[in-house]
Structure formats: structure tokens, C-alpha cells
Amino acid sequence: MIDIHNHMLPGIDDGAQDWDQALTMARMAVEDGIEGVVCTPHCISGLFPNDRPSVLQAVKTLREKLAAHEIPLDVYPGSELRLDFELLGKINSGKVLTLNDTGRYVLIELPTEVLPPNLEHFFWELQSRHITPVLAHPERNAALIHDPAQLNSWVEMGVLTQITASSLGGRFGTAIQQFAVSLIEHQMVHLIATDSHGTRRRTPRLSKGYGLAREIVGEDMAQEMVNGIPKRILEGETVVPPCPIPLTGRKSWFSPIKRFFQFGKSLSGPIPT
């Protein structure tokens, strides 16, 4: 398996705190069956200014430490890019990292509660430059939970989505779990990743999420989410996802999904990012 979204690089965002913790995360990933990790530290203006040169250097150091400790894990550079008004210019100028620095795919984190207008234009601008947006954890976005039709239209225009493995296991509550399952059922999920931030609360384990996805859509599609599509992204190759099944409103996904999970939690309170 390949983990396309992971905060393993230490001391540069809210992920691993030091190199010891980073190496422990690497060992946990290997034990879980992960062979490759894309290091995607947050890139947020004024908070985590992780530009391309600094992340490339941190990944180089991590590779050296993995080799010194004989940990058989491949690591690749990337960033989780928080959407802001300057982001398109930063991507175009090469100031921030694309996934594996190929210039083909960018991992985008949307605002949690309110989505800005005209996002379709932003996605179109990226695609016109042969850059494909990959949306990080849309199942945890409150605005999309209440109005999934927006996500459906983005997927139809070629935007890829990545859900968090622990969302499928209920880590963020039942409502998010149900939405994640429904997105998979409607062919609106292309990648499953750990979004790991440490060794206790959000760990670098992918196998459980893969197993749950396999129960929903079968072995072949689940393998694509954790192996086939991640490999093509790392190599900068074109990804041709299946056509999404329309998902228009909360009622359209909430009622049928009760056969999988018993409802336990509401949407009240903040959505974790």
C-alpha cells in the first residue's frame, strides 16, 4: 500500500514532533503493510510556511535516517496546501510542492465550514495547466456533508478525492463515517490515506480502512485506492477514475446507509481537520 497523505516530517507542522517520533511512525507504517509514504506537511500562509525547498530537504534527511535505521520505507515529497487567494500563483511559480514533485497533482485542503464561491474556476485553472487537484478528506468537510452535490460536480470535472482511513472506522464520528461510506458507494473516492499526525491518536495505519473499503466495493476497487492510483500519481501518470454516481443531498445518502451503521452522533460541533 502507498499512503498519499501523511504528516511524518517532524517539527514543521502539527505532525511528528521529532525524529524519534517520525521513525516510530515509519516503523508502524511498515508493520501495517505500507511500502511508500508521501510526506505532506501543511502549507498554510502565516502558520506553516513549508515551501518546496524546505520540504525537499526534510524528505532527504528522512530518507537518510530511514536507511541508517534499516527501515524499509520509501518516502516521497509533497504538501497539503490550504486553499487561499495566493495558492494558484504559488503552484504556478513552483513555490509549493506538488505530489512527488512531478507537477501533475496537488493535495488541496478546503475550508472546513464555508466553501468560497467559484471553486470550479480554480479547479479549471489548475487543470488547464495539466495539474489535477486532489481534495483532502472531503468526508470531514461540514459544507460538503450538507451539500454533497458540489463534490459530485467537481468529481465529474476530473477532481480526485482522498478520504481518511480512520473516517471509515468511525474515528471522527458516525455521521462522517456514514458519509465516507456513501462517497465510496457512489464512486466518488479515488484514494484512501492515513493523514497520520503521530503514533497514538492519528496513526499511520491504512490496512483497516482498506479492508472496510474492500467490503463495500470489492478487492479490485479497494486496491486501486491504496495502490494503483497512488502509484500513477507518484509517477505523474494520468488517472482516469470511474464516473461518479450522482449524490445530490443529505437525505439521498443518509437513509440507505443506515444498513451499515447505527446512527449515534449528530453533526454538531467542529469537524476535525
C-alpha atoms as a PDB file:
ATOM      1  CA  MET A   1       0.000   0.000   0.000  1.00  0.00           C
ATOM      2  CA  ILE A   2       1.004   3.609  -0.549  1.00  0.00           C
ATOM      3  CA  ASP A   3      -0.042   6.345   1.867  1.00  0.00           C
ATOM      4  CA  ILE A   4      -0.570   9.507  -0.179  1.00  0.00           C
ATOM      5  CA  HIS A   5      -1.221  11.853   2.800  1.00  0.00           C
ATOM      6  CA  ASN A   6       0.960  11.743   5.923  1.00  0.00           C
ATOM      7  CA  HIS A   7       2.469  14.257   8.375  1.00  0.00           C
ATOM      8  CA  MET A   8       5.624  12.313   9.199  1.00  0.00           C
ATOM      9  CA  LEU A   9       8.198  15.076   8.732  1.00  0.00           C
ATOM     10  CA  PRO A  10       8.992  16.352  12.241  1.00  0.00           C
ATOM     11  CA  GLY A  11       8.754  19.820  13.680  1.00  0.00           C
ATOM     12  CA  ILE A  12       7.351  21.648  10.659  1.00  0.00           C
ATOM     13  CA  ASP A  13       3.602  21.406  11.274  1.00  0.00           C
ATOM     14  CA  ASP A  14       1.246  19.683  13.724  1.00  0.00           C
ATOM     15  CA  GLY A  15       2.506  16.198  12.833  1.00  0.00           C
ATOM     16  CA  ALA A  16       5.540  14.338  14.204  1.00  0.00           C
ATOM     17  CA  GLN A  17       7.271  16.320  16.944  1.00  0.00           C
ATOM     18  CA  ASP A  18      10.810  14.994  16.488  1.00  0.00           C
ATOM     19  CA  TRP A  19      12.872  12.483  14.537  1.00  0.00           C
ATOM     20  CA  ASP A  20      12.274   9.699  17.078  1.00  0.00           C
ATOM     21  CA  GLN A  21       8.547  10.014  16.603  1.00  0.00           C
ATOM     22  CA  ALA A  22       8.941  10.208  12.837  1.00  0.00           C
ATOM     23  CA  LEU A  23      10.923   6.960  12.803  1.00  0.00           C
ATOM     24  CA  THR A  24       8.359   5.292  15.068  1.00  0.00           C
ATOM     25  CA  MET A  25       5.652   6.335  12.626  1.00  0.00           C
ATOM     26  CA  ALA A  26       7.701   4.856   9.795  1.00  0.00           C
ATOM     27  CA  ARG A  27       8.033   1.532  11.621  1.00  0.00           C
ATOM     28  CA  MET A  28       4.286   1.460  12.317  1.00  0.00           C
ATOM     29  CA  ALA A  29       3.561   2.105   8.649  1.00  0.00           C
ATOM     30  CA  VAL A  30       5.818  -0.757   7.531  1.00  0.00           C
ATOM     31  CA  GLU A  31       4.245  -3.127  10.072  1.00  0.00           C
ATOM     32  CA  ASP A  32       0.825  -2.231   8.667  1.00  0.00           C
ATOM     33  CA  GLY A  33       1.841  -3.141   5.122  1.00  0.00           C
ATOM     34  CA  ILE A  34       2.623   0.344   3.805  1.00  0.00           C
ATOM     35  CA  GLU A  35       5.598   0.409   1.441  1.00  0.00           C
ATOM     36  CA  GLY A  36       5.548   4.078   0.450  1.00  0.00           C
ATOM     37  CA  VAL A  37       4.554   7.332   2.152  1.00  0.00           C
ATOM     38  CA  VAL A  38       4.087  10.773   0.615  1.00  0.00           C
ATOM     39  CA  CYS A  39       5.131  13.327   3.229  1.00  0.00           C
ATOM     40  CA  THR A  40       2.536  16.100   3.008  1.00  0.00           C
ATOM     41  CA  PRO A  41       3.120  18.755   5.678  1.00  0.00           C
ATOM     42  CA  HIS A  42       0.579  21.537   5.913  1.00  0.00           C
ATOM     43  CA  CYS A  43       1.368  24.604   3.841  1.00  0.00           C
ATOM     44  CA  ILE A  44      -0.626  27.446   5.411  1.00  0.00           C
ATOM     45  CA  SER A  45       0.306  31.093   4.960  1.00  0.00           C
ATOM     46  CA  GLY A  46       1.367  32.682   8.231  1.00  0.00           C
ATOM     47  CA  LEU A  47       1.291  29.391  10.141  1.00  0.00           C
ATOM     48  CA  PHE A  48       3.199  26.624   8.365  1.00  0.00           C
ATOM     49  CA  PRO A  49       5.240  28.215   5.527  1.00  0.00           C
ATOM     50  CA  ASN A  50       6.534  24.927   4.156  1.00  0.00           C
ATOM     51  CA  ASP A  51       7.843  25.851   0.737  1.00  0.00           C
ATOM     52  CA  ARG A  52       9.256  23.449  -1.856  1.00  0.00           C
ATOM     53  CA  PRO A  53      12.990  23.676  -0.925  1.00  0.00           C
ATOM     54  CA  SER A  54      12.412  23.160   2.807  1.00  0.00           C
ATOM     55  CA  VAL A  55      10.173  20.117   2.320  1.00  0.00           C
ATOM     56  CA  LEU A  56      12.573  18.547  -0.195  1.00  0.00           C
ATOM     57  CA  GLN A  57      15.414  18.938   2.314  1.00  0.00           C
ATOM     58  CA  ALA A  58      13.352  17.417   5.133  1.00  0.00           C
ATOM     59  CA  VAL A  59      12.454  14.405   2.950  1.00  0.00           C
ATOM     60  CA  LYS A  60      16.122  13.957   2.038  1.00  0.00           C
ATOM     61  CA  THR A  61      17.042  13.888   5.733  1.00  0.00           C
ATOM     62  CA  LEU A  62      14.234  11.425   6.488  1.00  0.00           C
ATOM     63  CA  ARG A  63      15.468   9.083   3.742  1.00  0.00           C
ATOM     64  CA  GLU A  64      18.953   9.148   5.254  1.00  0.00           C
ATOM     65  CA  LYS A  65      17.621   8.351   8.721  1.00  0.00           C
ATOM     66  CA  LEU A  66      15.405   5.541   7.416  1.00  0.00           C
ATOM     67  CA  ALA A  67      18.431   3.990   5.709  1.00  0.00           C
ATOM     68  CA  ALA A  68      20.577   4.366   8.828  1.00  0.00           C
ATOM     69  CA  HIS A  69      17.931   2.613  10.939  1.00  0.00           C
ATOM     70  CA  GLU A  70      17.230  -0.022   8.247  1.00  0.00           C
ATOM     71  CA  ILE A  71      13.547   0.845   7.970  1.00  0.00           C
ATOM     72  CA  PRO A  72      12.300  -0.377   4.550  1.00  0.00           C
ATOM     73  CA  LEU A  73      10.002   2.509   3.702  1.00  0.00           C
ATOM     74  CA  ASP A  74      10.077   4.679   0.583  1.00  0.00           C
ATOM     75  CA  VAL A  75       9.199   8.331   1.226  1.00  0.00           C
ATOM     76  CA  TYR A  76       8.234  10.992  -1.292  1.00  0.00           C
ATOM     77  CA  PRO A  77       7.803  14.776  -1.100  1.00  0.00           C
ATOM     78  CA  GLY A  78       4.508  16.622  -1.149  1.00  0.00           C
ATOM     79  CA  SER A  79       2.406  19.188   0.679  1.00  0.00           C
ATOM     80  CA  GLU A  80      -1.143  19.617   1.929  1.00  0.00           C
ATOM     81  CA  LEU A  81      -1.991  23.020   0.502  1.00  0.00           C
ATOM     82  CA  ARG A  82      -4.560  25.111   2.348  1.00  0.00           C
ATOM     83  CA  LEU A  83      -6.770  26.963  -0.104  1.00  0.00           C
ATOM     84  CA  ASP A  84      -6.184  30.717  -0.123  1.00  0.00           C
ATOM     85  CA  PHE A  85      -6.189  33.601  -2.617  1.00  0.00           C
ATOM     86  CA  GLU A  86      -2.474  33.233  -3.358  1.00  0.00           C
ATOM     87  CA  LEU A  87      -2.392  29.477  -3.831  1.00  0.00           C
ATOM     88  CA  LEU A  88      -2.742  29.381  -7.609  1.00  0.00           C
ATOM     89  CA  GLY A  89       0.232  31.707  -8.006  1.00  0.00           C
ATOM     90  CA  LYS A  90       2.334  29.661  -5.586  1.00  0.00           C
ATOM     91  CA  ILE A  91       1.568  26.474  -7.527  1.00  0.00           C
ATOM     92  CA  ASN A  92       2.282  28.092 -10.897  1.00  0.00           C
ATOM     93  CA  SER A  93       5.598  29.517  -9.685  1.00  0.00           C
ATOM     94  CA  GLY A  94       6.760  26.227  -8.150  1.00  0.00           C
ATOM     95  CA  LYS A  95       7.000  27.766  -4.686  1.00  0.00           C
ATOM     96  CA  VAL A  96       4.994  24.914  -3.173  1.00  0.00           C
ATOM     97  CA  LEU A  97       5.217  21.188  -3.809  1.00  0.00           C
ATOM     98  CA  THR A  98       3.042  19.029  -5.972  1.00  0.00           C
ATOM     99  CA  LEU A  99       2.763  15.344  -5.027  1.00  0.00           C
ATOM    100  CA  ASN A 100       6.169  13.747  -5.554  1.00  0.00           C
ATOM    101  CA  ASP A 101       7.257  16.997  -7.213  1.00  0.00           C
ATOM    102  CA  THR A 102       6.003  15.826 -10.626  1.00  0.00           C
ATOM    103  CA  GLY A 103       3.975  18.972 -11.322  1.00  0.00           C
ATOM    104  CA  ARG A 104       0.873  16.871 -12.054  1.00  0.00           C
ATOM    105  CA  TYR A 105      -1.111  16.532  -8.815  1.00  0.00           C
ATOM    106  CA  VAL A 106      -1.716  18.848  -5.837  1.00  0.00           C
ATOM    107  CA  LEU A 107      -3.262  17.896  -2.493  1.00  0.00           C
ATOM    108  CA  ILE A 108      -5.738  20.642  -1.560  1.00  0.00           C
ATOM    109  CA  GLU A 109      -7.314  21.238   1.847  1.00  0.00           C
ATOM    110  CA  LEU A 110     -10.598  23.156   1.663  1.00  0.00           C
ATOM    111  CA  PRO A 111     -12.013  25.425   4.376  1.00  0.00           C
ATOM    112  CA  THR A 112     -13.983  23.281   6.796  1.00  0.00           C
ATOM    113  CA  GLU A 113     -17.235  25.141   7.340  1.00  0.00           C
ATOM    114  CA  VAL A 114     -17.873  27.539   4.417  1.00  0.00           C
ATOM    115  CA  LEU A 115     -16.689  26.993   0.859  1.00  0.00           C
ATOM    116  CA  PRO A 116     -15.643  30.000  -1.220  1.00  0.00           C
ATOM    117  CA  PRO A 117     -17.578  30.677  -4.434  1.00  0.00           C
ATOM    118  CA  ASN A 118     -16.268  29.804  -7.888  1.00  0.00           C
ATOM    119  CA  LEU A 119     -14.144  26.875  -6.790  1.00  0.00           C
ATOM    120  CA  GLU A 120     -14.896  25.298 -10.157  1.00  0.00           C
ATOM    121  CA  HIS A 121     -12.936  28.111 -11.793  1.00  0.00           C
ATOM    122  CA  PHE A 122      -9.939  27.460  -9.513  1.00  0.00           C
ATOM    123  CA  PHE A 123     -10.028  23.755 -10.366  1.00  0.00           C
ATOM    124  CA  TRP A 124     -10.379  24.557 -14.061  1.00  0.00           C
ATOM    125  CA  GLU A 125      -7.360  26.885 -13.890  1.00  0.00           C
ATOM    126  CA  LEU A 126      -5.280  24.063 -12.436  1.00  0.00           C
ATOM    127  CA  GLN A 127      -6.495  21.552 -14.984  1.00  0.00           C
ATOM    128  CA  SER A 128      -5.791  23.952 -17.851  1.00  0.00           C
ATOM    129  CA  ARG A 129      -2.158  23.752 -16.704  1.00  0.00           C
ATOM    130  CA  HIS A 130      -2.328  19.924 -16.634  1.00  0.00           C
ATOM    131  CA  ILE A 131      -2.437  19.896 -12.828  1.00  0.00           C
ATOM    132  CA  THR A 132      -5.072  17.696 -11.183  1.00  0.00           C
ATOM    133  CA  PRO A 133      -6.496  18.745  -7.795  1.00  0.00           C
ATOM    134  CA  VAL A 134      -6.738  16.036  -5.143  1.00  0.00           C
ATOM    135  CA  LEU A 135      -9.127  17.041  -2.356  1.00  0.00           C
ATOM    136  CA  ALA A 136      -8.002  16.005   1.125  1.00  0.00           C
ATOM    137  CA  HIS A 137     -10.624  14.367   3.371  1.00  0.00           C
ATOM    138  CA  PRO A 138     -13.859  15.803   1.832  1.00  0.00           C
ATOM    139  CA  GLU A 139     -15.855  13.428   4.050  1.00  0.00           C
ATOM    140  CA  ARG A 140     -14.831  15.594   7.010  1.00  0.00           C
ATOM    141  CA  ASN A 141     -15.957  18.856   5.448  1.00  0.00           C
ATOM    142  CA  ALA A 142     -19.158  20.176   7.035  1.00  0.00           C
ATOM    143  CA  ALA A 143     -20.205  22.144   3.959  1.00  0.00           C
ATOM    144  CA  LEU A 144     -19.912  19.086   1.713  1.00  0.00           C
ATOM    145  CA  ILE A 145     -21.701  16.833   4.195  1.00  0.00           C
ATOM    146  CA  HIS A 146     -24.703  19.155   3.997  1.00  0.00           C
ATOM    147  CA  ASP A 147     -24.425  19.695   0.227  1.00  0.00           C
ATOM    148  CA  PRO A 148     -22.611  16.801  -1.481  1.00  0.00           C
ATOM    149  CA  ALA A 149     -23.843  17.899  -4.917  1.00  0.00           C
ATOM    150  CA  GLN A 150     -20.914  20.315  -5.072  1.00  0.00           C
ATOM    151  CA  LEU A 151     -18.451  17.482  -4.642  1.00  0.00           C
ATOM    152  CA  ASN A 152     -20.268  15.440  -7.257  1.00  0.00           C
ATOM    153  CA  SER A 153     -19.852  18.229  -9.828  1.00  0.00           C
ATOM    154  CA  TRP A 154     -16.138  18.589  -9.047  1.00  0.00           C
ATOM    155  CA  VAL A 155     -15.541  14.861  -9.436  1.00  0.00           C
ATOM    156  CA  GLU A 156     -17.384  14.941 -12.748  1.00  0.00           C
ATOM    157  CA  MET A 157     -14.941  17.608 -13.990  1.00  0.00           C
ATOM    158  CA  GLY A 158     -11.949  15.432 -13.074  1.00  0.00           C
ATOM    159  CA  VAL A 159     -11.093  16.405  -9.495  1.00  0.00           C
ATOM    160  CA  LEU A 160      -9.834  13.470  -7.411  1.00  0.00           C
ATOM    161  CA  THR A 161     -10.718  12.860  -3.774  1.00  0.00           C
ATOM    162  CA  GLN A 162      -8.847  11.281  -0.851  1.00  0.00           C
ATOM    163  CA  ILE A 163     -10.653  10.113   2.263  1.00  0.00           C
ATOM    164  CA  THR A 164      -9.068   9.298   5.616  1.00  0.00           C
ATOM    165  CA  ALA A 165      -8.829   5.617   6.528  1.00  0.00           C
ATOM    166  CA  SER A 166      -9.922   6.224  10.106  1.00  0.00           C
ATOM    167  CA  SER A 167     -13.071   8.015   8.897  1.00  0.00           C
ATOM    168  CA  LEU A 168     -14.300   4.634   7.673  1.00  0.00           C
ATOM    169  CA  GLY A 169     -13.589   3.172  11.108  1.00  0.00           C
ATOM    170  CA  GLY A 170     -15.622   5.825  12.920  1.00  0.00           C
ATOM    171  CA  ARG A 171     -12.715   7.804  14.371  1.00  0.00           C
ATOM    172  CA  PHE A 172     -14.418  11.142  13.610  1.00  0.00           C
ATOM    173  CA  GLY A 173     -17.981  10.132  14.468  1.00  0.00           C
ATOM    174  CA  THR A 174     -20.806   8.222  12.878  1.00  0.00           C
ATOM    175  CA  ALA A 175     -22.045  10.971  10.546  1.00  0.00           C
ATOM    176  CA  ILE A 176     -18.613  11.316   8.917  1.00  0.00           C
ATOM    177  CA  GLN A 177     -18.293   7.532   8.795  1.00  0.00           C
ATOM    178  CA  GLN A 178     -21.626   7.232   7.013  1.00  0.00           C
ATOM    179  CA  PHE A 179     -20.755   9.959   4.528  1.00  0.00           C
ATOM    180  CA  ALA A 180     -17.404   8.323   3.750  1.00  0.00           C
ATOM    181  CA  VAL A 181     -19.109   5.011   3.029  1.00  0.00           C
ATOM    182  CA  SER A 182     -21.683   6.701   0.819  1.00  0.00           C
ATOM    183  CA  LEU A 183     -18.957   8.509  -1.146  1.00  0.00           C
ATOM    184  CA  ILE A 184     -17.244   5.179  -1.793  1.00  0.00           C
ATOM    185  CA  GLU A 185     -20.540   3.596  -2.865  1.00  0.00           C
ATOM    186  CA  HIS A 186     -21.135   6.453  -5.298  1.00  0.00           C
ATOM    187  CA  GLN A 187     -17.667   6.102  -6.868  1.00  0.00           C
ATOM    188  CA  MET A 188     -16.600   9.494  -5.583  1.00  0.00           C
ATOM    189  CA  VAL A 189     -13.487   8.300  -3.707  1.00  0.00           C
ATOM    190  CA  HIS A 190     -10.222   7.670  -5.530  1.00  0.00           C
ATOM    191  CA  LEU A 191      -7.688   7.405  -2.696  1.00  0.00           C
ATOM    192  CA  ILE A 192      -7.607   6.278   0.917  1.00  0.00           C
ATOM    193  CA  ALA A 193      -4.795   7.637   3.102  1.00  0.00           C
ATOM    194  CA  THR A 194      -3.925   7.820   6.789  1.00  0.00           C
ATOM    195  CA  ASP A 195      -3.493  11.606   7.229  1.00  0.00           C
ATOM    196  CA  SER A 196      -1.368  10.434  10.147  1.00  0.00           C
ATOM    197  CA  HIS A 197      -0.141  13.042  12.627  1.00  0.00           C
ATOM    198  CA  GLY A 198       1.505  10.847  15.263  1.00  0.00           C
ATOM    199  CA  THR A 199       1.771   7.476  16.959  1.00  0.00           C
ATOM    200  CA  ARG A 200      -1.281   7.495  19.217  1.00  0.00           C
ATOM    201  CA  ARG A 201      -4.281   9.497  18.068  1.00  0.00           C
ATOM    202  CA  ARG A 202      -3.942   9.554  14.267  1.00  0.00           C
ATOM    203  CA  THR A 203      -1.609   6.713  13.406  1.00  0.00           C
ATOM    204  CA  PRO A 204      -0.019   5.669  10.078  1.00  0.00           C
ATOM    205  CA  ARG A 205      -2.233   2.633   9.612  1.00  0.00           C
ATOM    206  CA  LEU A 206      -4.048   2.025   6.349  1.00  0.00           C
ATOM    207  CA  SER A 207      -4.969  -1.664   6.377  1.00  0.00           C
ATOM    208  CA  LYS A 208      -8.217  -1.331   8.345  1.00  0.00           C
ATOM    209  CA  GLY A 209      -9.533   1.377   6.029  1.00  0.00           C
ATOM    210  CA  TYR A 210      -8.539  -0.722   3.035  1.00  0.00           C
ATOM    211  CA  GLY A 211     -10.362  -3.717   4.489  1.00  0.00           C
ATOM    212  CA  LEU A 212     -13.542  -1.707   5.064  1.00  0.00           C
ATOM    213  CA  ALA A 213     -13.418  -0.315   1.529  1.00  0.00           C
ATOM    214  CA  ARG A 214     -12.979  -3.837   0.180  1.00  0.00           C
ATOM    215  CA  GLU A 215     -16.193  -4.875   1.942  1.00  0.00           C
ATOM    216  CA  ILE A 216     -18.050  -2.020   0.260  1.00  0.00           C
ATOM    217  CA  VAL A 217     -16.741  -2.088  -3.324  1.00  0.00           C
ATOM    218  CA  GLY A 218     -14.664  -5.245  -3.635  1.00  0.00           C
ATOM    219  CA  GLU A 219     -10.987  -6.118  -3.888  1.00  0.00           C
ATOM    220  CA  ASP A 220     -10.182  -4.504  -7.240  1.00  0.00           C
ATOM    221  CA  MET A 221     -11.531  -1.034  -6.486  1.00  0.00           C
ATOM    222  CA  ALA A 222     -10.122  -1.035  -2.952  1.00  0.00           C
ATOM    223  CA  GLN A 223      -6.690  -1.940  -4.328  1.00  0.00           C
ATOM    224  CA  GLU A 224      -6.914   0.967  -6.761  1.00  0.00           C
ATOM    225  CA  MET A 225      -7.482   3.347  -3.834  1.00  0.00           C
ATOM    226  CA  VAL A 226      -4.400   2.286  -1.868  1.00  0.00           C
ATOM    227  CA  ASN A 227      -2.067   1.071  -4.602  1.00  0.00           C
ATOM    228  CA  GLY A 228      -2.954   1.556  -8.272  1.00  0.00           C
ATOM    229  CA  ILE A 229      -3.974   5.222  -8.288  1.00  0.00           C
ATOM    230  CA  PRO A 230      -1.318   6.301  -5.737  1.00  0.00           C
ATOM    231  CA  LYS A 231       1.388   4.722  -7.921  1.00  0.00           C
ATOM    232  CA  ARG A 232       0.152   6.529 -11.013  1.00  0.00           C
ATOM    233  CA  ILE A 233       0.149   9.812  -9.097  1.00  0.00           C
ATOM    234  CA  LEU A 234       3.707   9.242  -7.882  1.00  0.00           C
ATOM    235  CA  GLU A 235       4.813   8.595 -11.452  1.00  0.00           C
ATOM    236  CA  GLY A 236       2.948  11.625 -12.799  1.00  0.00           C
ATOM    237  CA  GLU A 237       0.737   9.469 -14.984  1.00  0.00           C
ATOM    238  CA  THR A 238      -2.853  10.204 -15.957  1.00  0.00           C
ATOM    239  CA  VAL A 239      -5.564   8.857 -13.657  1.00  0.00           C
ATOM    240  CA  VAL A 240      -8.896   8.028 -15.303  1.00  0.00           C
ATOM    241  CA  PRO A 241     -11.391   7.453 -12.477  1.00  0.00           C
ATOM    242  CA  PRO A 242     -14.801   5.784 -12.851  1.00  0.00           C
ATOM    243  CA  CYS A 243     -17.800   8.021 -13.450  1.00  0.00           C
ATOM    244  CA  PRO A 244     -19.427   9.099 -10.182  1.00  0.00           C
ATOM    245  CA  ILE A 245     -22.958   8.073  -9.296  1.00  0.00           C
ATOM    246  CA  PRO A 246     -24.943  11.260  -8.556  1.00  0.00           C
ATOM    247  CA  LEU A 247     -25.160  12.195  -4.877  1.00  0.00           C
ATOM    248  CA  THR A 248     -27.313  15.279  -4.533  1.00  0.00           C
ATOM    249  CA  GLY A 249     -28.418  15.853  -0.939  1.00  0.00           C
ATOM    250  CA  ARG A 250     -28.024  14.593   2.601  1.00  0.00           C
ATOM    251  CA  LYS A 251     -31.263  12.600   2.527  1.00  0.00           C
ATOM    252  CA  SER A 252     -30.102  10.771  -0.603  1.00  0.00           C
ATOM    253  CA  TRP A 253     -27.101   9.295   1.203  1.00  0.00           C
ATOM    254  CA  PHE A 254     -28.174   9.258   4.842  1.00  0.00           C
ATOM    255  CA  SER A 255     -31.183   6.943   4.853  1.00  0.00           C
ATOM    256  CA  PRO A 256     -29.802   3.985   2.829  1.00  0.00           C
ATOM    257  CA  ILE A 257     -26.540   3.971   4.732  1.00  0.00           C
ATOM    258  CA  LYS A 258     -28.290   3.011   7.996  1.00  0.00           C
ATOM    259  CA  ARG A 259     -27.981  -0.608   6.924  1.00  0.00           C
ATOM    260  CA  PHE A 260     -24.219  -0.324   7.540  1.00  0.00           C
ATOM    261  CA  PHE A 261     -24.098   1.695  10.751  1.00  0.00           C
ATOM    262  CA  GLN A 262     -26.403   2.580  13.607  1.00  0.00           C
ATOM    263  CA  PHE A 263     -26.674   6.336  13.890  1.00  0.00           C
ATOM    264  CA  GLY A 264     -25.071   7.615  17.085  1.00  0.00           C
ATOM    265  CA  LYS A 265     -23.765  11.153  16.659  1.00  0.00           C
ATOM    266  CA  SER A 266     -25.066  14.333  15.076  1.00  0.00           C
ATOM    267  CA  LEU A 267     -23.212  16.892  13.009  1.00  0.00           C
ATOM    268  CA  SER A 268     -22.993  19.281  15.953  1.00  0.00           C
ATOM    269  CA  GLY A 269     -19.554  20.528  16.964  1.00  0.00           C
ATOM    270  CA  PRO A 270     -16.497  21.259  14.860  1.00  0.00           C
ATOM    271  CA  ILE A 271     -15.411  18.920  12.107  1.00  0.00           C
ATOM    272  CA  PRO A 272     -11.807  17.698  12.698  1.00  0.00           C
ATOM    273  CA  THR A 273      -9.270  18.633  10.009  1.00  0.00           C
END
